[in-house]
Amino acid sequence: LRLSCAASGSTFRINSMGWYRQAPGKQRELVAFINSGGNT
């Protein structure tokens, strides 16, 4: 699957974008993120 996330509004100083997930009965966890320098 490919997930997409579009940000709009005051977006010109985005530091990072990322994905989290939460399964039933579990804590929300970080899946992946990418910062302004392209580091993941």
PDB file of all heavy atoms in Angstrom:
ATOM      1  N   LEU A   1       0.849  -1.175   0.000  1.00  0.00           N
ATOM      2  CA  LEU A   1       0.000   0.000   0.000  1.00  0.00           C
ATOM      3  C   LEU A   1       0.888   1.230   0.000  1.00  0.00           C
ATOM      4  O   LEU A   1       2.013   1.180   0.496  1.00  0.00           O
ATOM      5  CB  LEU A   1      -0.918   0.054   1.226  1.00  0.00           C
ATOM      6  CG  LEU A   1      -2.126  -0.873   1.287  1.00  0.00           C
ATOM      7  CD1 LEU A   1      -2.776  -0.770   2.663  1.00  0.00           C
ATOM      8  CD2 LEU A   1      -3.127  -0.519   0.203  1.00  0.00           C
ATOM      9  N   ARG A   2       0.368   2.321  -0.520  1.00  0.00           N
ATOM     10  CA  ARG A   2       1.063   3.597  -0.466  1.00  0.00           C
ATOM     11  C   ARG A   2       0.153   4.633   0.181  1.00  0.00           C
ATOM     12  O   ARG A   2      -0.909   4.950  -0.358  1.00  0.00           O
ATOM     13  CB  ARG A   2       1.472   4.074  -1.853  1.00  0.00           C
ATOM     14  CG  ARG A   2       2.463   5.241  -1.817  1.00  0.00           C
ATOM     15  CD  ARG A   2       2.691   5.817  -3.195  1.00  0.00           C
ATOM     16  NE  ARG A   2       3.896   6.644  -3.241  1.00  0.00           N
ATOM     17  CZ  ARG A   2       4.140   7.560  -4.172  1.00  0.00           C
ATOM     18  NH1 ARG A   2       3.266   7.759  -5.155  1.00  0.00           N
ATOM     19  NH2 ARG A   2       5.260   8.259  -4.131  1.00  0.00           N
ATOM     20  N   LEU A   3       0.580   5.156   1.318  1.00  0.00           N
ATOM     21  CA  LEU A   3      -0.155   6.199   2.009  1.00  0.00           C
ATOM     22  C   LEU A   3       0.346   7.563   1.569  1.00  0.00           C
ATOM     23  O   LEU A   3       1.537   7.748   1.326  1.00  0.00           O
ATOM     24  CB  LEU A   3       0.007   6.071   3.523  1.00  0.00           C
ATOM     25  CG  LEU A   3      -0.347   4.727   4.157  1.00  0.00           C
ATOM     26  CD1 LEU A   3      -0.207   4.813   5.674  1.00  0.00           C
ATOM     27  CD2 LEU A   3      -1.750   4.291   3.768  1.00  0.00           C
ATOM     28  N   SER A   4      -0.576   8.510   1.476  1.00  0.00           N
ATOM     29  CA  SER A   4      -0.240   9.881   1.130  1.00  0.00           C
ATOM     30  C   SER A   4      -0.765  10.818   2.202  1.00  0.00           C
ATOM     31  O   SER A   4      -1.821  10.578   2.786  1.00  0.00           O
ATOM     32  CB  SER A   4      -0.851  10.277  -0.219  1.00  0.00           C
ATOM     33  OG  SER A   4      -0.362   9.461  -1.262  1.00  0.00           O
ATOM     34  N   CYS A   5      -0.043  11.894   2.431  1.00  0.00           N
ATOM     35  CA  CYS A   5      -0.440  12.898   3.398  1.00  0.00           C
ATOM     36  C   CYS A   5      -0.103  14.266   2.835  1.00  0.00           C
ATOM     37  O   CYS A   5       1.067  14.569   2.601  1.00  0.00           O
ATOM     38  CB  CYS A   5       0.283  12.676   4.729  1.00  0.00           C
ATOM     39  SG  CYS A   5       0.076  14.005   5.933  1.00  0.00           S
ATOM     40  N   ALA A   6      -1.125  15.081   2.622  1.00  0.00           N
ATOM     41  CA  ALA A   6      -0.957  16.418   2.070  1.00  0.00           C
ATOM     42  C   ALA A   6      -1.163  17.460   3.161  1.00  0.00           C
ATOM     43  O   ALA A   6      -2.198  17.476   3.825  1.00  0.00           O
ATOM     44  CB  ALA A   6      -1.933  16.652   0.926  1.00  0.00           C
ATOM     45  N   ALA A   7      -0.177  18.321   3.341  1.00  0.00           N
ATOM     46  CA  ALA A   7      -0.250  19.410   4.298  1.00  0.00           C
ATOM     47  C   ALA A   7      -0.545  20.713   3.569  1.00  0.00           C
ATOM     48  O   ALA A   7       0.022  20.978   2.509  1.00  0.00           O
ATOM     49  CB  ALA A   7       1.053  19.533   5.083  1.00  0.00           C
ATOM     50  N   SER A   8      -1.421  21.522   4.137  1.00  0.00           N
ATOM     51  CA  SER A   8      -1.753  22.816   3.553  1.00  0.00           C
ATOM     52  C   SER A   8      -1.873  23.854   4.656  1.00  0.00           C
ATOM     53  O   SER A   8      -1.970  23.520   5.834  1.00  0.00           O
ATOM     54  CB  SER A   8      -3.047  22.747   2.742  1.00  0.00           C
ATOM     55  OG  SER A   8      -4.137  22.367   3.561  1.00  0.00           O
ATOM     56  N   GLY A   9      -1.864  25.127   4.266  1.00  0.00           N
ATOM     57  CA  GLY A   9      -1.895  26.211   5.220  1.00  0.00           C
ATOM     58  C   GLY A   9      -0.516  26.818   5.391  1.00  0.00           C
ATOM     59  O   GLY A   9       0.182  27.049   4.412  1.00  0.00           O
ATOM     60  N   SER A  10      -0.113  27.049   6.629  1.00  0.00           N
ATOM     61  CA  SER A  10       1.178  27.665   6.929  1.00  0.00           C
ATOM     62  C   SER A  10       2.268  26.606   6.927  1.00  0.00           C
ATOM     63  O   SER A  10       2.768  26.177   7.975  1.00  0.00           O
ATOM     64  CB  SER A  10       1.114  28.383   8.276  1.00  0.00           C
ATOM     65  OG  SER A  10       0.106  29.369   8.282  1.00  0.00           O
ATOM     66  N   THR A  11       2.657  26.187   5.724  1.00  0.00           N
ATOM     67  CA  THR A  11       3.522  25.025   5.574  1.00  0.00           C
ATOM     68  C   THR A  11       4.949  25.340   5.170  1.00  0.00           C
ATOM     69  O   THR A  11       5.744  24.415   5.002  1.00  0.00           O
ATOM     70  CB  THR A  11       2.935  24.066   4.534  1.00  0.00           C
ATOM     71  OG1 THR A  11       2.878  24.721   3.271  1.00  0.00           O
ATOM     72  CG2 THR A  11       1.535  23.617   4.940  1.00  0.00           C
ATOM     73  N   PHE A  12       5.296  26.615   5.006  1.00  0.00           N
ATOM     74  CA  PHE A  12       6.603  26.911   4.423  1.00  0.00           C
ATOM     75  C   PHE A  12       7.764  26.736   5.382  1.00  0.00           C
ATOM     76  O   PHE A  12       8.910  26.867   4.970  1.00  0.00           O
ATOM     77  CB  PHE A  12       6.630  28.311   3.794  1.00  0.00           C
ATOM     78  CG  PHE A  12       6.309  29.438   4.730  1.00  0.00           C
ATOM     79  CD1 PHE A  12       7.267  29.949   5.580  1.00  0.00           C
ATOM     80  CD2 PHE A  12       5.046  30.001   4.738  1.00  0.00           C
ATOM     81  CE1 PHE A  12       6.980  31.002   6.435  1.00  0.00           C
ATOM     82  CE2 PHE A  12       4.738  31.055   5.584  1.00  0.00           C
ATOM     83  CZ  PHE A  12       5.715  31.551   6.434  1.00  0.00           C
ATOM     84  N   ARG A  13       7.507  26.433   6.627  1.00  0.00           N
ATOM     85  CA  ARG A  13       8.590  26.155   7.577  1.00  0.00           C
ATOM     86  C   ARG A  13       8.377  24.797   8.240  1.00  0.00           C
ATOM     87  O   ARG A  13       8.535  24.644   9.450  1.00  0.00           O
ATOM     88  CB  ARG A  13       8.710  27.258   8.619  1.00  0.00           C
ATOM     89  CG  ARG A  13       9.038  28.621   8.026  1.00  0.00           C
ATOM     90  CD  ARG A  13       9.623  29.564   9.048  1.00  0.00           C
ATOM     91  NE  ARG A  13      11.028  29.260   9.341  1.00  0.00           N
ATOM     92  CZ  ARG A  13      11.811  29.996  10.106  1.00  0.00           C
ATOM     93  NH1 ARG A  13      11.338  31.096  10.680  1.00  0.00           N
ATOM     94  NH2 ARG A  13      13.069  29.646  10.316  1.00  0.00           N
ATOM     95  N   ILE A  14       8.064  23.812   7.433  1.00  0.00           N
ATOM     96  CA  ILE A  14       7.924  22.453   7.936  1.00  0.00           C
ATOM     97  C   ILE A  14       9.290  21.905   8.322  1.00  0.00           C
ATOM     98  O   ILE A  14      10.220  21.919   7.528  1.00  0.00           O
ATOM     99  CB  ILE A  14       7.254  21.542   6.897  1.00  0.00           C
ATOM    100  CG1 ILE A  14       5.789  21.940   6.714  1.00  0.00           C
ATOM    101  CG2 ILE A  14       7.362  20.075   7.314  1.00  0.00           C
ATOM    102  CD1 ILE A  14       5.077  21.168   5.624  1.00  0.00           C
ATOM    103  N   ASN A  15       9.409  21.432   9.543  1.00  0.00           N
ATOM    104  CA  ASN A  15      10.643  20.810  10.012  1.00  0.00           C
ATOM    105  C   ASN A  15      10.699  19.323   9.697  1.00  0.00           C
ATOM    106  O   ASN A  15      11.752  18.801   9.349  1.00  0.00           O
ATOM    107  CB  ASN A  15      10.803  21.007  11.521  1.00  0.00           C
ATOM    108  CG  ASN A  15      11.392  22.350  11.871  1.00  0.00           C
ATOM    109  OD1 ASN A  15      11.262  23.321  11.128  1.00  0.00           O
ATOM    110  ND2 ASN A  15      12.056  22.403  13.022  1.00  0.00           N
ATOM    111  N   SER A  16       9.567  18.653   9.847  1.00  0.00           N
ATOM    112  CA  SER A  16       9.536  17.228   9.575  1.00  0.00           C
ATOM    113  C   SER A  16       8.116  16.782   9.297  1.00  0.00           C
ATOM    114  O   SER A  16       7.144  17.430   9.692  1.00  0.00           O
ATOM    115  CB  SER A  16      10.120  16.420  10.743  1.00  0.00           C
ATOM    116  OG  SER A  16       9.297  16.522  11.880  1.00  0.00           O
ATOM    117  N   MET A  17       8.002  15.660   8.615  1.00  0.00           N
ATOM    118  CA  MET A  17       6.732  14.993   8.398  1.00  0.00           C
ATOM    119  C   MET A  17       6.951  13.518   8.688  1.00  0.00           C
ATOM    120  O   MET A  17       8.021  12.979   8.405  1.00  0.00           O
ATOM    121  CB  MET A  17       6.222  15.191   6.972  1.00  0.00           C
ATOM    122  CG  MET A  17       6.062  16.658   6.576  1.00  0.00           C
ATOM    123  SD  MET A  17       5.419  16.903   4.901  1.00  0.00           S
ATOM    124  CE  MET A  17       3.681  16.477   5.152  1.00  0.00           C
ATOM    125  N   GLY A  18       5.937  12.892   9.248  1.00  0.00           N
ATOM    126  CA  GLY A  18       6.110  11.502   9.594  1.00  0.00           C
ATOM    127  C   GLY A  18       4.812  10.754   9.727  1.00  0.00           C
ATOM    128  O   GLY A  18       3.721  11.311   9.582  1.00  0.00           O
ATOM    129  N   TRP A  19       4.955   9.467   9.989  1.00  0.00           N
ATOM    130  CA  TRP A  19       3.825   8.567  10.146  1.00  0.00           C
ATOM    131  C   TRP A  19       3.922   7.845  11.475  1.00  0.00           C
ATOM    132  O   TRP A  19       4.996   7.352  11.851  1.00  0.00           O
ATOM    133  CB  TRP A  19       3.777   7.540   9.016  1.00  0.00           C
ATOM    134  CG  TRP A  19       3.471   8.136   7.680  1.00  0.00           C
ATOM    135  CD1 TRP A  19       4.363   8.561   6.747  1.00  0.00           C
ATOM    136  CD2 TRP A  19       2.171   8.365   7.138  1.00  0.00           C
ATOM    137  NE1 TRP A  19       3.700   9.048   5.645  1.00  0.00           N
ATOM    138  CE2 TRP A  19       2.347   8.936   5.861  1.00  0.00           C
ATOM    139  CE3 TRP A  19       0.874   8.137   7.598  1.00  0.00           C
ATOM    140  CZ2 TRP A  19       1.274   9.285   5.044  1.00  0.00           C
ATOM    141  CZ3 TRP A  19      -0.190   8.491   6.789  1.00  0.00           C
ATOM    142  CH2 TRP A  19       0.023   9.054   5.529  1.00  0.00           C
ATOM    143  N   TYR A  20       2.797   7.789  12.177  1.00  0.00           N
ATOM    144  CA  TYR A  20       2.637   7.011  13.390  1.00  0.00           C
ATOM    145  C   TYR A  20       1.506   6.021  13.169  1.00  0.00           C
ATOM    146  O   TYR A  20       0.704   6.171  12.245  1.00  0.00           O
ATOM    147  CB  TYR A  20       2.314   7.908  14.585  1.00  0.00           C
ATOM    148  CG  TYR A  20       3.446   8.819  15.018  1.00  0.00           C
ATOM    149  CD1 TYR A  20       3.811   9.921  14.254  1.00  0.00           C
ATOM    150  CD2 TYR A  20       4.140   8.575  16.201  1.00  0.00           C
ATOM    151  CE1 TYR A  20       4.844  10.757  14.651  1.00  0.00           C
ATOM    152  CE2 TYR A  20       5.170   9.410  16.607  1.00  0.00           C
ATOM    153  CZ  TYR A  20       5.513  10.499  15.830  1.00  0.00           C
ATOM    154  OH  TYR A  20       6.533  11.319  16.242  1.00  0.00           O
ATOM    155  N   ARG A  21       1.439   5.013  14.021  1.00  0.00           N
ATOM    156  CA  ARG A  21       0.331   4.072  13.927  1.00  0.00           C
ATOM    157  C   ARG A  21      -0.084   3.617  15.313  1.00  0.00           C
ATOM    158  O   ARG A  21       0.703   3.632  16.252  1.00  0.00           O
ATOM    159  CB  ARG A  21       0.686   2.866  13.056  1.00  0.00           C
ATOM    160  CG  ARG A  21       1.747   1.940  13.636  1.00  0.00           C
ATOM    161  CD  ARG A  21       2.138   0.879  12.625  1.00  0.00           C
ATOM    162  NE  ARG A  21       3.120  -0.054  13.162  1.00  0.00           N
ATOM    163  CZ  ARG A  21       3.729  -0.986  12.450  1.00  0.00           C
ATOM    164  NH1 ARG A  21       3.450  -1.125  11.158  1.00  0.00           N
ATOM    165  NH2 ARG A  21       4.610  -1.800  13.019  1.00  0.00           N
ATOM    166  N   GLN A  22      -1.337   3.219  15.416  1.00  0.00           N
ATOM    167  CA  GLN A  22      -1.863   2.704  16.666  1.00  0.00           C
ATOM    168  C   GLN A  22      -2.768   1.517  16.377  1.00  0.00           C
ATOM    169  O   GLN A  22      -3.760   1.646  15.656  1.00  0.00           O
ATOM    170  CB  GLN A  22      -2.629   3.772  17.440  1.00  0.00           C
ATOM    171  CG  GLN A  22      -3.050   3.320  18.824  1.00  0.00           C
ATOM    172  CD  GLN A  22      -3.509   4.477  19.692  1.00  0.00           C
ATOM    173  OE1 GLN A  22      -3.826   5.553  19.197  1.00  0.00           O
ATOM    174  NE2 GLN A  22      -3.526   4.249  20.990  1.00  0.00           N
ATOM    175  N   ALA A  23      -2.407   0.383  16.924  1.00  0.00           N
ATOM    176  CA  ALA A  23      -3.204  -0.822  16.812  1.00  0.00           C
ATOM    177  C   ALA A  23      -4.082  -0.960  18.046  1.00  0.00           C
ATOM    178  O   ALA A  23      -3.768  -0.407  19.108  1.00  0.00           O
ATOM    179  CB  ALA A  23      -2.300  -2.042  16.664  1.00  0.00           C
ATOM    180  N   PRO A  24      -5.195  -1.705  17.944  1.00  0.00           N
ATOM    181  CA  PRO A  24      -6.068  -1.878  19.101  1.00  0.00           C
ATOM    182  C   PRO A  24      -5.313  -2.424  20.305  1.00  0.00           C
ATOM    183  O   PRO A  24      -4.565  -3.400  20.197  1.00  0.00           O
ATOM    184  CB  PRO A  24      -7.112  -2.880  18.609  1.00  0.00           C
ATOM    185  CG  PRO A  24      -7.153  -2.668  17.131  1.00  0.00           C
ATOM    186  CD  PRO A  24      -5.732  -2.367  16.741  1.00  0.00           C
ATOM    187  N   GLY A  25      -5.492  -1.786  21.448  1.00  0.00           N
ATOM    188  CA  GLY A  25      -4.858  -2.238  22.673  1.00  0.00           C
ATOM    189  C   GLY A  25      -3.385  -1.912  22.798  1.00  0.00           C
ATOM    190  O   GLY A  25      -2.746  -2.359  23.753  1.00  0.00           O
ATOM    191  N   LYS A  26      -2.839  -1.146  21.861  1.00  0.00           N
ATOM    192  CA  LYS A  26      -1.422  -0.825  21.886  1.00  0.00           C
ATOM    193  C   LYS A  26      -1.210   0.682  21.899  1.00  0.00           C
ATOM    194  O   LYS A  26      -2.099   1.459  21.541  1.00  0.00           O
ATOM    195  CB  LYS A  26      -0.699  -1.428  20.681  1.00  0.00           C
ATOM    196  CG  LYS A  26      -0.734  -2.940  20.615  1.00  0.00           C
ATOM    197  CD  LYS A  26       0.092  -3.464  19.465  1.00  0.00           C
ATOM    198  CE  LYS A  26       1.577  -3.189  19.673  1.00  0.00           C
ATOM    199  NZ  LYS A  26       2.404  -3.763  18.565  1.00  0.00           N
ATOM    200  N   GLN A  27      -0.024   1.088  22.328  1.00  0.00           N
ATOM    201  CA  GLN A  27       0.357   2.488  22.314  1.00  0.00           C
ATOM    202  C   GLN A  27       0.615   2.954  20.890  1.00  0.00           C
ATOM    203  O   GLN A  27       1.007   2.167  20.020  1.00  0.00           O
ATOM    204  CB  GLN A  27       1.623   2.704  23.153  1.00  0.00           C
ATOM    205  CG  GLN A  27       1.466   2.388  24.628  1.00  0.00           C
ATOM    206  CD  GLN A  27       0.733   3.477  25.354  1.00  0.00           C
ATOM    207  OE1 GLN A  27       1.037   4.660  25.190  1.00  0.00           O
ATOM    208  NE2 GLN A  27      -0.240   3.098  26.173  1.00  0.00           N
ATOM    209  N   ARG A  28       0.397   4.244  20.647  1.00  0.00           N
ATOM    210  CA  ARG A  28       0.771   4.815  19.372  1.00  0.00           C
ATOM    211  C   ARG A  28       2.286   4.788  19.242  1.00  0.00           C
ATOM    212  O   ARG A  28       3.009   5.114  20.190  1.00  0.00           O
ATOM    213  CB  ARG A  28       0.251   6.250  19.259  1.00  0.00           C
ATOM    214  CG  ARG A  28       0.500   6.884  17.896  1.00  0.00           C
ATOM    215  CD  ARG A  28      -0.130   8.253  17.804  1.00  0.00           C
ATOM    216  NE  ARG A  28       0.451   9.177  18.762  1.00  0.00           N
ATOM    217  CZ  ARG A  28       0.064  10.439  18.922  1.00  0.00           C
ATOM    218  NH1 ARG A  28      -0.922  10.921  18.181  1.00  0.00           N
ATOM    219  NH2 ARG A  28       0.652  11.203  19.826  1.00  0.00           N
ATOM    220  N   GLU A  29       2.777   4.419  18.078  1.00  0.00           N
ATOM    221  CA  GLU A  29       4.203   4.298  17.871  1.00  0.00           C
ATOM    222  C   GLU A  29       4.627   5.001  16.589  1.00  0.00           C
ATOM    223  O   GLU A  29       3.872   5.081  15.624  1.00  0.00           O
ATOM    224  CB  GLU A  29       4.629   2.828  17.815  1.00  0.00           C
ATOM    225  CG  GLU A  29       4.042   2.059  16.644  1.00  0.00           C
ATOM    226  CD  GLU A  29       4.555   0.630  16.557  1.00  0.00           C
ATOM    227  OE1 GLU A  29       5.553   0.307  17.227  1.00  0.00           O
ATOM    228  OE2 GLU A  29       3.940  -0.166  15.810  1.00  0.00           O
ATOM    229  N   LEU A  30       5.856   5.482  16.612  1.00  0.00           N
ATOM    230  CA  LEU A  30       6.439   6.078  15.419  1.00  0.00           C
ATOM    231  C   LEU A  30       6.743   4.991  14.396  1.00  0.00           C
ATOM    232  O   LEU A  30       7.327   3.958  14.728  1.00  0.00           O
ATOM    233  CB  LEU A  30       7.729   6.823  15.775  1.00  0.00           C
ATOM    234  CG  LEU A  30       8.524   7.378  14.591  1.00  0.00           C
ATOM    235  CD1 LEU A  30       7.771   8.532  13.935  1.00  0.00           C
ATOM    236  CD2 LEU A  30       9.909   7.835  15.041  1.00  0.00           C
ATOM    237  N   VAL A  31       6.346   5.238  13.155  1.00  0.00           N
ATOM    238  CA  VAL A  31       6.666   4.343  12.053  1.00  0.00           C
ATOM    239  C   VAL A  31       7.877   4.868  11.289  1.00  0.00           C
ATOM    240  O   VAL A  31       8.851   4.144  11.070  1.00  0.00           O
ATOM    241  CB  VAL A  31       5.466   4.171  11.103  1.00  0.00           C
ATOM    242  CG1 VAL A  31       5.845   3.288   9.918  1.00  0.00           C
ATOM    243  CG2 VAL A  31       4.276   3.599  11.853  1.00  0.00           C
ATOM    244  N   ALA A  32       7.818   6.124  10.871  1.00  0.00           N
ATOM    245  CA  ALA A  32       8.901   6.725  10.109  1.00  0.00           C
ATOM    246  C   ALA A  32       8.713   8.228  10.081  1.00  0.00           C
ATOM    247  O   ALA A  32       7.590   8.723  10.167  1.00  0.00           O
ATOM    248  CB  ALA A  32       8.937   6.192   8.671  1.00  0.00           C
ATOM    249  N   PHE A  33       9.817   8.963   9.970  1.00  0.00           N
ATOM    250  CA  PHE A  33       9.721  10.388   9.717  1.00  0.00           C
ATOM    251  C   PHE A  33      10.867  10.841   8.838  1.00  0.00           C
ATOM    252  O   PHE A  33      11.899  10.173   8.736  1.00  0.00           O
ATOM    253  CB  PHE A  33       9.650  11.216  11.013  1.00  0.00           C
ATOM    254  CG  PHE A  33      10.947  11.343  11.775  1.00  0.00           C
ATOM    255  CD1 PHE A  33      11.861  12.344  11.472  1.00  0.00           C
ATOM    256  CD2 PHE A  33      11.232  10.474  12.817  1.00  0.00           C
ATOM    257  CE1 PHE A  33      13.043  12.467  12.189  1.00  0.00           C
ATOM    258  CE2 PHE A  33      12.411  10.590  13.538  1.00  0.00           C
ATOM    259  CZ  PHE A  33      13.317  11.588  13.217  1.00  0.00           C
ATOM    260  N   ILE A  34      10.664  11.995   8.212  1.00  0.00           N
ATOM    261  CA  ILE A  34      11.675  12.596   7.361  1.00  0.00           C
ATOM    262  C   ILE A  34      11.771  14.069   7.725  1.00  0.00           C
ATOM    263  O   ILE A  34      10.761  14.763   7.848  1.00  0.00           O
ATOM    264  CB  ILE A  34      11.332  12.385   5.862  1.00  0.00           C
ATOM    265  CG1 ILE A  34      12.426  12.965   4.966  1.00  0.00           C
ATOM    266  CG2 ILE A  34       9.966  12.958   5.512  1.00  0.00           C
ATOM    267  CD1 ILE A  34      12.304  12.501   3.509  1.00  0.00           C
ATOM    268  N   ASN A  35      12.996  14.568   7.931  1.00  0.00           N
ATOM    269  CA  ASN A  35      13.151  15.956   8.326  1.00  0.00           C
ATOM    270  C   ASN A  35      13.450  16.841   7.118  1.00  0.00           C
ATOM    271  O   ASN A  35      13.489  16.377   5.980  1.00  0.00           O
ATOM    272  CB  ASN A  35      14.206  16.099   9.428  1.00  0.00           C
ATOM    273  CG  ASN A  35      15.626  15.807   8.956  1.00  0.00           C
ATOM    274  OD1 ASN A  35      15.917  15.747   7.765  1.00  0.00           O
ATOM    275  ND2 ASN A  35      16.522  15.632   9.926  1.00  0.00           N
ATOM    276  N   SER A  36      13.659  18.131   7.390  1.00  0.00           N
ATOM    277  CA  SER A  36      13.823  19.098   6.306  1.00  0.00           C
ATOM    278  C   SER A  36      15.073  18.848   5.480  1.00  0.00           C
ATOM    279  O   SER A  36      15.152  19.298   4.339  1.00  0.00           O
ATOM    280  CB  SER A  36      13.847  20.520   6.865  1.00  0.00           C
ATOM    281  OG  SER A  36      14.895  20.683   7.804  1.00  0.00           O
ATOM    282  N   GLY A  37      16.059  18.157   6.046  1.00  0.00           N
ATOM    283  CA  GLY A  37      17.260  17.818   5.313  1.00  0.00           C
ATOM    284  C   GLY A  37      17.172  16.516   4.546  1.00  0.00           C
ATOM    285  O   GLY A  37      18.144  16.107   3.910  1.00  0.00           O
ATOM    286  N   GLY A  38      16.022  15.859   4.616  1.00  0.00           N
ATOM    287  CA  GLY A  38      15.831  14.601   3.926  1.00  0.00           C
ATOM    288  C   GLY A  38      16.292  13.382   4.707  1.00  0.00           C
ATOM    289  O   GLY A  38      16.254  12.269   4.180  1.00  0.00           O
ATOM    290  N   ASN A  39      16.724  13.583   5.943  1.00  0.00           N
ATOM    291  CA  ASN A  39      17.115  12.453   6.773  1.00  0.00           C
ATOM    292  C   ASN A  39      15.887  11.706   7.258  1.00  0.00           C
ATOM    293  O   ASN A  39      14.882  12.311   7.620  1.00  0.00           O
ATOM    294  CB  ASN A  39      17.936  12.928   7.967  1.00  0.00           C
ATOM    295  CG  ASN A  39      19.216  13.615   7.551  1.00  0.00           C
ATOM    296  OD1 ASN A  39      19.949  13.121   6.704  1.00  0.00           O
ATOM    297  ND2 ASN A  39      19.497  14.764   8.149  1.00  0.00           N
ATOM    298  N   THR A  40      15.982  10.391   7.287  1.00  0.00           N
ATOM    299  CA  THR A  40      14.850   9.555   7.646  1.00  0.00           C
ATOM    300  C   THR A  40      15.161   8.683   8.843  1.00  0.00           C
ATOM    301  O   THR A  40      16.317   8.347   9.109  1.00  0.00           O
ATOM    302  CB  THR A  40      14.426   8.662   6.474  1.00  0.00           C
ATOM    303  OG1 THR A  40      15.528   7.829   6.092  1.00  0.00           O
ATOM    304  CG2 THR A  40      14.002   9.503   5.276  1.00  0.00           C
TER     305      THR A  40
END
